C-alpha atoms as a PDB file:
ATOM      1  CA  MET A   1      83.092  96.623  94.617  1.00  0.00           C
ATOM      2  CA  THR A   2      83.166  93.331  92.767  1.00  0.00           C
ATOM      3  CA  TYR A   3      80.955  90.409  91.876  1.00  0.00           C
ATOM      4  CA  CYS A   4      82.486  87.009  91.085  1.00  0.00           C
ATOM      5  CA  VAL A   5      80.786  83.604  90.940  1.00  0.00           C
ATOM      6  CA  GLY A   6      82.154  80.085  90.628  1.00  0.00           C
ATOM      7  CA  MET A   7      79.724  77.208  90.073  1.00  0.00           C
ATOM      8  CA  VAL A   8      80.229  73.431  90.020  1.00  0.00           C
ATOM      9  CA  LEU A   9      78.168  71.311  87.634  1.00  0.00           C
ATOM     10  CA  GLU A  10      78.422  67.625  86.788  1.00  0.00           C
ATOM     11  CA  LYS A  11      79.868  68.615  83.425  1.00  0.00           C
ATOM     12  CA  GLY A  12      82.450  71.051  84.764  1.00  0.00           C
ATOM     13  CA  LEU A  13      82.903  74.561  86.130  1.00  0.00           C
ATOM     14  CA  VAL A  14      81.339  77.877  85.101  1.00  0.00           C
ATOM     15  CA  LEU A  15      83.028  81.075  86.271  1.00  0.00           C
ATOM     16  CA  MET A  16      82.188  84.753  85.836  1.00  0.00           C
ATOM     17  CA  SER A  17      83.524  88.036  87.198  1.00  0.00           C
ATOM     18  CA  ASP A  18      82.950  91.720  86.641  1.00  0.00           C
ATOM     19  CA  THR A  19      85.807  94.180  86.118  1.00  0.00           C
ATOM     20  CA  ARG A  20      84.744  97.338  87.943  1.00  0.00           C
ATOM     21  CA  THR A  21      86.726  98.924  90.743  1.00  0.00           C
ATOM     22  CA  ASN A  22      85.897 102.319  92.177  1.00  0.00           C
ATOM     23  CA  SER A  23      86.503 104.611  95.108  1.00  0.00           C
ATOM     24  CA  GLY A  24      83.587 106.930  94.357  1.00  0.00           C
ATOM     25  CA  VAL A  25      81.118 107.700  91.618  1.00  0.00           C
ATOM     26  CA  ASP A  26      83.671 109.888  89.852  1.00  0.00           C
ATOM     27  CA  ASN A  27      86.576 107.418  90.047  1.00  0.00           C
ATOM     28  CA  ILE A  28      85.711 104.213  88.218  1.00  0.00           C
ATOM     29  CA  SER A  29      88.299 101.898  86.661  1.00  0.00           C
ATOM     30  CA  VAL A  30      88.359  98.533  84.906  1.00  0.00           C
ATOM     31  CA  PHE A  31      90.641  95.764  86.151  1.00  0.00           C
ATOM     32  CA  ARG A  32      90.605  92.067  85.315  1.00  0.00           C
ATOM     33  CA  LYS A  33      89.692  89.871  88.295  1.00  0.00           C
ATOM     34  CA  MET A  34      89.925  86.440  86.634  1.00  0.00           C
ATOM     35  CA  PHE A  35      93.329  84.805  86.078  1.00  0.00           C
ATOM     36  CA  THR A  36      94.180  81.370  84.648  1.00  0.00           C
ATOM     37  CA  TRP A  37      97.188  79.043  84.589  1.00  0.00           C
ATOM     38  CA  GLN A  38      97.181  75.739  82.738  1.00  0.00           C
ATOM     39  CA  VAL A  39      99.356  72.825  81.712  1.00  0.00           C
ATOM     40  CA  PRO A  40      97.796  71.196  78.629  1.00  0.00           C
ATOM     41  CA  GLY A  41      96.392  67.770  79.424  1.00  0.00           C
ATOM     42  CA  GLU A  42      97.431  67.985  83.088  1.00  0.00           C
ATOM     43  CA  ARG A  43      95.787  70.887  84.956  1.00  0.00           C
ATOM     44  CA  ILE A  44      93.921  74.162  84.764  1.00  0.00           C
ATOM     45  CA  ILE A  45      93.568  76.568  87.673  1.00  0.00           C
ATOM     46  CA  THR A  46      91.571  79.786  87.645  1.00  0.00           C
ATOM     47  CA  VAL A  47      91.526  82.413  90.382  1.00  0.00           C
ATOM     48  CA  MET A  48      88.971  85.217  90.860  1.00  0.00           C
ATOM     49  CA  THR A  49      89.594  88.030  93.322  1.00  0.00           C
ATOM     50  CA  ALA A  50      87.594  90.556  95.338  1.00  0.00           C
ATOM     51  CA  GLY A  51      88.597  93.169  97.880  1.00  0.00           C
ATOM     52  CA  ASN A  52      91.438  95.625  98.178  1.00  0.00           C
ATOM     53  CA  LEU A  53      92.922  95.948  94.695  1.00  0.00           C
ATOM     54  CA  ALA A  54      96.537  96.418  95.801  1.00  0.00           C
ATOM     55  CA  THR A  55      96.284  93.269  97.929  1.00  0.00           C
ATOM     56  CA  THR A  56      94.753  91.096  95.214  1.00  0.00           C
ATOM     57  CA  GLN A  57      97.219  92.372  92.612  1.00  0.00           C
ATOM     58  CA  ALA A  58     100.100  91.489  94.947  1.00  0.00           C
ATOM     59  CA  VAL A  59      98.753  87.946  95.286  1.00  0.00           C
ATOM     60  CA  ILE A  60      98.324  87.518  91.528  1.00  0.00           C
ATOM     61  CA  SER A  61     101.750  89.007  90.803  1.00  0.00           C
ATOM     62  CA  GLN A  62     103.463  86.566  93.140  1.00  0.00           C
ATOM     63  CA  LEU A  63     101.541  83.605  91.715  1.00  0.00           C
ATOM     64  CA  GLU A  64     102.481  84.726  88.210  1.00  0.00           C
ATOM     65  CA  GLU A  65     106.151  85.055  89.112  1.00  0.00           C
ATOM     66  CA  ARG A  66     106.214  81.609  90.697  1.00  0.00           C
ATOM     67  CA  SER A  67     104.496  80.073  87.670  1.00  0.00           C
ATOM     68  CA  LYS A  68     107.415  81.229  85.514  1.00  0.00           C
ATOM     69  CA  GLN A  69     109.910  79.349  87.693  1.00  0.00           C
ATOM     70  CA  PRO A  70     109.152  75.649  87.085  1.00  0.00           C
ATOM     71  CA  ASP A  71     111.750  74.487  89.613  1.00  0.00           C
ATOM     72  CA  ASP A  72     110.445  76.687  92.433  1.00  0.00           C
ATOM     73  CA  ARG A  73     109.078  74.490  95.244  1.00  0.00           C
ATOM     74  CA  ASP A  74     106.715  77.359  96.164  1.00  0.00           C
ATOM     75  CA  ASN A  75     105.057  77.136  92.763  1.00  0.00           C
ATOM     76  CA  ALA A  76     101.574  76.342  94.069  1.00  0.00           C
ATOM     77  CA  ILE A  77      99.889  76.820  90.722  1.00  0.00           C
ATOM     78  CA  LEU A  78     101.906  74.358  88.647  1.00  0.00           C
ATOM     79  CA  LYS A  79     103.507  72.020  91.181  1.00  0.00           C
ATOM     80  CA  SER A  80     100.960  71.279  93.930  1.00  0.00           C
ATOM     81  CA  PRO A  81      99.714  67.699  93.518  1.00  0.00           C
ATOM     82  CA  THR A  82      96.090  68.439  94.489  1.00  0.00           C
ATOM     83  CA  MET A  83      93.655  71.341  94.243  1.00  0.00           C
ATOM     84  CA  PHE A  84      93.394  71.253  98.034  1.00  0.00           C
ATOM     85  CA  GLN A  85      97.092  72.067  98.286  1.00  0.00           C
ATOM     86  CA  VAL A  86      96.719  74.779  95.646  1.00  0.00           C
ATOM     87  CA  ALA A  87      94.037  76.433  97.783  1.00  0.00           C
ATOM     88  CA  THR A  88      96.164  75.973 100.912  1.00  0.00           C
ATOM     89  CA  GLU A  89      99.173  77.727  99.360  1.00  0.00           C
ATOM     90  CA  ILE A  90      97.089  80.567  97.930  1.00  0.00           C
ATOM     91  CA  GLY A  91      95.477  81.015 101.344  1.00  0.00           C
ATOM     92  CA  LYS A  92      98.885  81.262 102.997  1.00  0.00           C
ATOM     93  CA  LEU A  93     100.038  83.784 100.419  1.00  0.00           C
ATOM     94  CA  LEU A  94      96.928  85.939 100.867  1.00  0.00           C
ATOM     95  CA  ARG A  95      97.234  85.825 104.671  1.00  0.00           C
ATOM     96  CA  ASP A  96     100.919  86.755 104.596  1.00  0.00           C
ATOM     97  CA  ILE A  97     100.417  89.674 102.215  1.00  0.00           C
ATOM     98  CA  ILE A  98      97.564  91.080 104.311  1.00  0.00           C
ATOM     99  CA  ALA A  99      99.594  90.656 107.505  1.00  0.00           C
ATOM    100  CA  ASP A 100     102.607  92.430 105.973  1.00  0.00           C
ATOM    101  CA  ARG A 101     100.524  95.362 104.779  1.00  0.00           C
ATOM    102  CA  GLN A 102      98.671  95.729 108.067  1.00  0.00           C
ATOM    103  CA  GLY A 103     101.935  95.480 109.985  1.00  0.00           C
ATOM    104  CA  ALA A 104     103.475  98.233 107.906  1.00  0.00           C
ATOM    105  CA  ASN A 105     100.486 100.504 108.520  1.00  0.00           C
ATOM    106  CA  GLY A 106      99.856  99.696 112.199  1.00  0.00           C
ATOM    107  CA  ASP A 107      96.367  99.811 113.662  1.00  0.00           C
ATOM    108  CA  ARG A 108      95.310 102.334 111.050  1.00  0.00           C
ATOM    109  CA  GLY A 109      95.671  99.653 108.411  1.00  0.00           C
ATOM    110  CA  ARG A 110      93.346  97.140 110.027  1.00  0.00           C
ATOM    111  CA  GLY A 111      90.477  96.167 107.773  1.00  0.00           C
ATOM    112  CA  ARG A 112      91.777  98.164 104.812  1.00  0.00           C
ATOM    113  CA  PHE A 113      93.576  95.333 103.056  1.00  0.00           C
ATOM    114  CA  THR A 114      91.014  92.537 103.217  1.00  0.00           C
ATOM    115  CA  ALA A 115      90.433  90.373 100.163  1.00  0.00           C
ATOM    116  CA  SER A 116      88.841  87.062  99.264  1.00  0.00           C
ATOM    117  CA  ILE A 117      89.570  84.644  96.442  1.00  0.00           C
ATOM    118  CA  ILE A 118      87.734  81.921  94.538  1.00  0.00           C
ATOM    119  CA  VAL A 119      90.016  79.100  93.382  1.00  0.00           C
ATOM    120  CA  ALA A 120      88.697  76.735  90.717  1.00  0.00           C
ATOM    121  CA  GLY A 121      90.175  74.041  88.534  1.00  0.00           C
ATOM    122  CA  GLN A 122      91.033  70.430  87.923  1.00  0.00           C
ATOM    123  CA  ILE A 123      94.191  68.321  88.039  1.00  0.00           C
ATOM    124  CA  ALA A 124      94.454  65.127  85.982  1.00  0.00           C
ATOM    125  CA  GLY A 125      93.058  62.056  87.738  1.00  0.00           C
ATOM    126  CA  MET A 126      90.947  64.145  90.127  1.00  0.00           C
ATOM    127  CA  GLU A 127      87.562  65.844  90.234  1.00  0.00           C
ATOM    128  CA  PRO A 128      86.989  69.495  89.294  1.00  0.00           C
ATOM    129  CA  ARG A 129      87.085  71.457  92.571  1.00  0.00           C
ATOM    130  CA  LEU A 130      86.066  74.884  93.799  1.00  0.00           C
ATOM    131  CA  PHE A 131      87.241  76.745  96.918  1.00  0.00           C
ATOM    132  CA  MET A 132      86.603  80.079  98.574  1.00  0.00           C
ATOM    133  CA  VAL A 133      89.616  81.537 100.377  1.00  0.00           C
ATOM    134  CA  TYR A 134      89.077  84.044 103.208  1.00  0.00           C
ATOM    135  CA  PRO A 135      91.404  86.936 104.191  1.00  0.00           C
ATOM    136  CA  GLU A 136      92.672  84.892 107.166  1.00  0.00           C
ATOM    137  CA  GLY A 137      93.978  82.277 104.726  1.00  0.00           C
ATOM    138  CA  ASN A 138      91.482  79.549 105.624  1.00  0.00           C
ATOM    139  CA  PHE A 139      89.039  78.265 103.037  1.00  0.00           C
ATOM    140  CA  ILE A 140      86.000  76.110 102.355  1.00  0.00           C
ATOM    141  CA  GLU A 141      85.263  73.785  99.441  1.00  0.00           C
ATOM    142  CA  ALA A 142      82.122  73.596  97.350  1.00  0.00           C
ATOM    143  CA  SER A 143      79.933  70.553  97.976  1.00  0.00           C
ATOM    144  CA  LEU A 144      76.569  69.106  97.036  1.00  0.00           C
ATOM    145  CA  ASP A 145      75.002  71.357  99.667  1.00  0.00           C
ATOM    146  CA  THR A 146      77.022  74.433  98.646  1.00  0.00           C
ATOM    147  CA  PRO A 147      77.685  74.045  94.907  1.00  0.00           C
ATOM    148  CA  PHE A 148      78.626  77.640  94.148  1.00  0.00           C
ATOM    149  CA  PHE A 149      80.562  80.506  95.710  1.00  0.00           C
ATOM    150  CA  GLN A 150      80.173  84.259  95.378  1.00  0.00           C
ATOM    151  CA  ILE A 151      82.505  87.026  96.479  1.00  0.00           C
ATOM    152  CA  GLY A 152      81.987  90.767  96.483  1.00  0.00           C
ATOM    153  CA  GLU A 153      78.468  92.144  96.001  1.00  0.00           C
ATOM    154  CA  THR A 154      76.615  88.864  96.425  1.00  0.00           C
ATOM    155  CA  LYS A 155      73.122  89.622  97.689  1.00  0.00           C
ATOM    156  CA  TYR A 156      71.369  90.701  94.484  1.00  0.00           C
ATOM    157  CA  GLY A 157      72.419  87.766  92.324  1.00  0.00           C
ATOM    158  CA  ARG A 158      72.244  85.017  94.928  1.00  0.00           C
ATOM    159  CA  PRO A 159      68.444  84.378  94.850  1.00  0.00           C
ATOM    160  CA  ILE A 160      68.607  83.825  91.090  1.00  0.00           C
ATOM    161  CA  ILE A 161      71.243  81.109  91.404  1.00  0.00           C
ATOM    162  CA  ILE A 162      69.540  79.418  94.363  1.00  0.00           C
ATOM    163  CA  ARG A 163      66.233  79.145  92.488  1.00  0.00           C
ATOM    164  CA  GLY A 164      67.680  78.199  89.097  1.00  0.00           C
ATOM    165  CA  TYR A 165      70.646  75.958  89.934  1.00  0.00           C
ATOM    166  CA  ASP A 166      70.577  72.275  88.994  1.00  0.00           C
ATOM    167  CA  ARG A 167      73.808  70.286  89.211  1.00  0.00           C
ATOM    168  CA  THR A 168      72.817  68.276  86.117  1.00  0.00           C
ATOM    169  CA  MET A 169      72.161  71.311  83.914  1.00  0.00           C
ATOM    170  CA  SER A 170      74.271  71.835  80.805  1.00  0.00           C
ATOM    171  CA  LEU A 171      77.261  74.145  80.799  1.00  0.00           C
ATOM    172  CA  GLU A 172      75.306  76.403  78.442  1.00  0.00           C
ATOM    173  CA  ASP A 173      72.453  76.655  80.945  1.00  0.00           C
ATOM    174  CA  GLY A 174      74.995  77.345  83.663  1.00  0.00           C
ATOM    175  CA  VAL A 175      76.254  80.310  81.636  1.00  0.00           C
ATOM    176  CA  LYS A 176      72.679  81.509  81.139  1.00  0.00           C
ATOM    177  CA  LEU A 177      72.013  81.315  84.878  1.00  0.00           C
ATOM    178  CA  LEU A 178      75.099  83.371  85.707  1.00  0.00           C
ATOM    179  CA  MET A 179      74.184  85.912  83.025  1.00  0.00           C
ATOM    180  CA  VAL A 180      70.823  86.461  84.731  1.00  0.00           C
ATOM    181  CA  SER A 181      72.485  86.672  88.141  1.00  0.00           C
ATOM    182  CA  PHE A 182      74.920  89.310  86.903  1.00  0.00           C
ATOM    183  CA  ASP A 183      72.191  91.251  85.104  1.00  0.00           C
ATOM    184  CA  SER A 184      70.198  91.455  88.342  1.00  0.00           C
ATOM    185  CA  THR A 185      73.289  92.634  90.219  1.00  0.00           C
ATOM    186  CA  LEU A 186      74.168  95.248  87.607  1.00  0.00           C
ATOM    187  CA  LYS A 187      70.636  96.633  87.742  1.00  0.00           C
ATOM    188  CA  ALA A 188      70.751  96.922  91.555  1.00  0.00           C
ATOM    189  CA  ASN A 189      74.276  98.173  92.252  1.00  0.00           C
ATOM    190  CA  LEU A 190      76.387 100.622  90.290  1.00  0.00           C
ATOM    191  CA  SER A 191      79.563  99.364  91.964  1.00  0.00           C
ATOM    192  CA  VAL A 192      79.398  96.242  89.753  1.00  0.00           C
ATOM    193  CA  GLY A 193      79.835  96.870  86.059  1.00  0.00           C
ATOM    194  CA  LEU A 194      80.616  95.644  82.582  1.00  0.00           C
ATOM    195  CA  PRO A 195      82.638  94.237  80.968  1.00  0.00           C
ATOM    196  CA  LEU A 196      82.262  90.752  82.438  1.00  0.00           C
ATOM    197  CA  ASP A 197      84.704  87.876  82.057  1.00  0.00           C
ATOM    198  CA  LEU A 198      83.264  84.403  81.463  1.00  0.00           C
ATOM    199  CA  GLN A 199      85.092  81.081  81.517  1.00  0.00           C
ATOM    200  CA  VAL A 200      83.828  77.517  81.119  1.00  0.00           C
ATOM    201  CA  ILE A 201      85.996  74.537  82.111  1.00  0.00           C
ATOM    202  CA  LYS A 202      84.634  71.253  80.804  1.00  0.00           C
ATOM    203  CA  ARG A 203      85.344  68.235  82.993  1.00  0.00           C
ATOM    204  CA  ASP A 204      88.606  66.443  82.070  1.00  0.00           C
ATOM    205  CA  SER A 205      89.492  68.976  79.366  1.00  0.00           C
ATOM    206  CA  PHE A 206      92.168  70.773  81.452  1.00  0.00           C
ATOM    207  CA  GLU A 207      91.678  73.923  79.440  1.00  0.00           C
ATOM    208  CA  ALA A 208      89.417  76.940  79.272  1.00  0.00           C
ATOM    209  CA  GLY A 209      87.124  75.520  76.637  1.00  0.00           C
ATOM    210  CA  HIS A 210      85.209  78.758  76.369  1.00  0.00           C
ATOM    211  CA  GLN A 211      86.326  82.260  77.329  1.00  0.00           C
ATOM    212  CA  HIS A 212      84.393  85.394  76.550  1.00  0.00           C
ATOM    213  CA  ARG A 213      84.400  89.051  77.561  1.00  0.00           C
ATOM    214  CA  VAL A 214      80.869  90.435  77.797  1.00  0.00           C
ATOM    215  CA  THR A 215      80.813  94.104  76.764  1.00  0.00           C
ATOM    216  CA  HIS A 216      78.051  96.705  76.712  1.00  0.00           C
ATOM    217  CA  ASP A 217      77.083  95.821  73.146  1.00  0.00           C
ATOM    218  CA  ASP A 218      77.110  92.042  73.616  1.00  0.00           C
ATOM    219  CA  PRO A 219      73.943  90.832  71.810  1.00  0.00           C
ATOM    220  CA  TYR A 220      73.406  87.745  73.961  1.00  0.00           C
ATOM    221  CA  PHE A 221      73.703  89.633  77.241  1.00  0.00           C
ATOM    222  CA  GLN A 222      71.357  92.318  75.927  1.00  0.00           C
ATOM    223  CA  ALA A 223      68.840  89.630  74.956  1.00  0.00           C
ATOM    224  CA  ILE A 224      69.132  87.981  78.386  1.00  0.00           C
ATOM    225  CA  SER A 225      68.609  91.306  80.170  1.00  0.00           C
ATOM    226  CA  SER A 226      65.577  92.262  78.088  1.00  0.00           C
ATOM    227  CA  SER A 227      63.983  88.802  78.147  1.00  0.00           C
ATOM    228  CA  TRP A 228      64.502  88.377  81.885  1.00  0.00           C
ATOM    229  CA  GLY A 229      62.878  91.742  82.590  1.00  0.00           C
ATOM    230  CA  ASP A 230      59.863  90.845  80.449  1.00  0.00           C
ATOM    231  CA  ALA A 231      59.618  87.393  82.030  1.00  0.00           C
ATOM    232  CA  LEU A 232      59.566  88.884  85.533  1.00  0.00           C
ATOM    233  CA  LYS A 233      56.783  91.299  84.585  1.00  0.00           C
ATOM    234  CA  ASN A 234      54.738  88.501  83.032  1.00  0.00           C
ATOM    235  CA  ALA A 235      55.269  86.266  86.074  1.00  0.00           C
ATOM    236  CA  PHE A 236      54.200  89.079  88.390  1.00  0.00           C
ATOM    237  CA  HIS A 237      50.991  89.749  86.489  1.00  0.00           C
ATOM    238  CA  SER A 238      50.179  86.018  86.415  1.00  0.00           C
ATOM    239  CA  LEU A 239      50.159  85.792  90.224  1.00  0.00           C
ATOM    240  CA  PRO A 240      46.794  85.721  92.029  1.00  0.00           C
ATOM    241  CA  ASP A 241      45.414  89.207  92.698  1.00  0.00           C
ATOM    242  CA  TYR A 242      45.295  90.485  96.243  1.00  0.00           C
ATOM    243  CA  SER A 243      41.969  91.789  97.547  1.00  0.00           C
ATOM    244  CA  PHE A 244      41.376  94.233 100.416  1.00  0.00           C
ATOM    245  CA  TYR A 245      38.032  92.528 100.997  1.00  0.00           C
ATOM    246  CA  HIS A 246      38.058  88.895 102.066  1.00  0.00           C
ATOM    247  CA  GLY A 247      34.413  88.523 103.081  1.00  0.00           C
ATOM    248  CA  ASP A 248      35.095  88.253 106.810  1.00  0.00           C
ATOM    249  CA  ASP A 249      35.780  91.974 107.539  1.00  0.00           C
END
């Protein structure tokens, strides 16, 4: 399983992904799920993946190969004029790879090769943009009503983001919010695990201004985990007490 989050703020984009893949409690591996391409001063594009590992690796491998061929008209990462077209081309690539794999495996392959992708970035002269690409190749874009996307194991960390998100918050607070969301997910589901990959893209910088791998001994993540647990306990005990006797029984 996987957990990846992309979040749009007024000041830029905050992205985080875990690195755990497993096919059972005794078969756990670490694979990077966040990948970045950039042209200094002109564009930065980051992709996060979830789903069948062979499928997502095939997508990333093809994008990487195309990025090394500057004259290739299929080079969606470096040549597409808008982020919308970047998402469109990545969606087509994902759809085609899934279709090829399912076709080669017949009906037995149906459902085995699904994957989803978060595409984030900014191209010079345009706004930072965030998309979620589905296995069918179609996608949706983040908006004021839906300012963040999650893929993978989403349910445990989603309430944290919904309650804490503010589009005007600082990039640092955005990182803090995602740290809490990931901590809650890690506590609830063993299929999501450290290390975590963090990236911050400041508006109009066209570069990964901050990249960090969060490991088991990361002091900030440890402090967030401990402080959040204590804060929850304190908040719980501060709530009004329930009584079995209400005077009208």
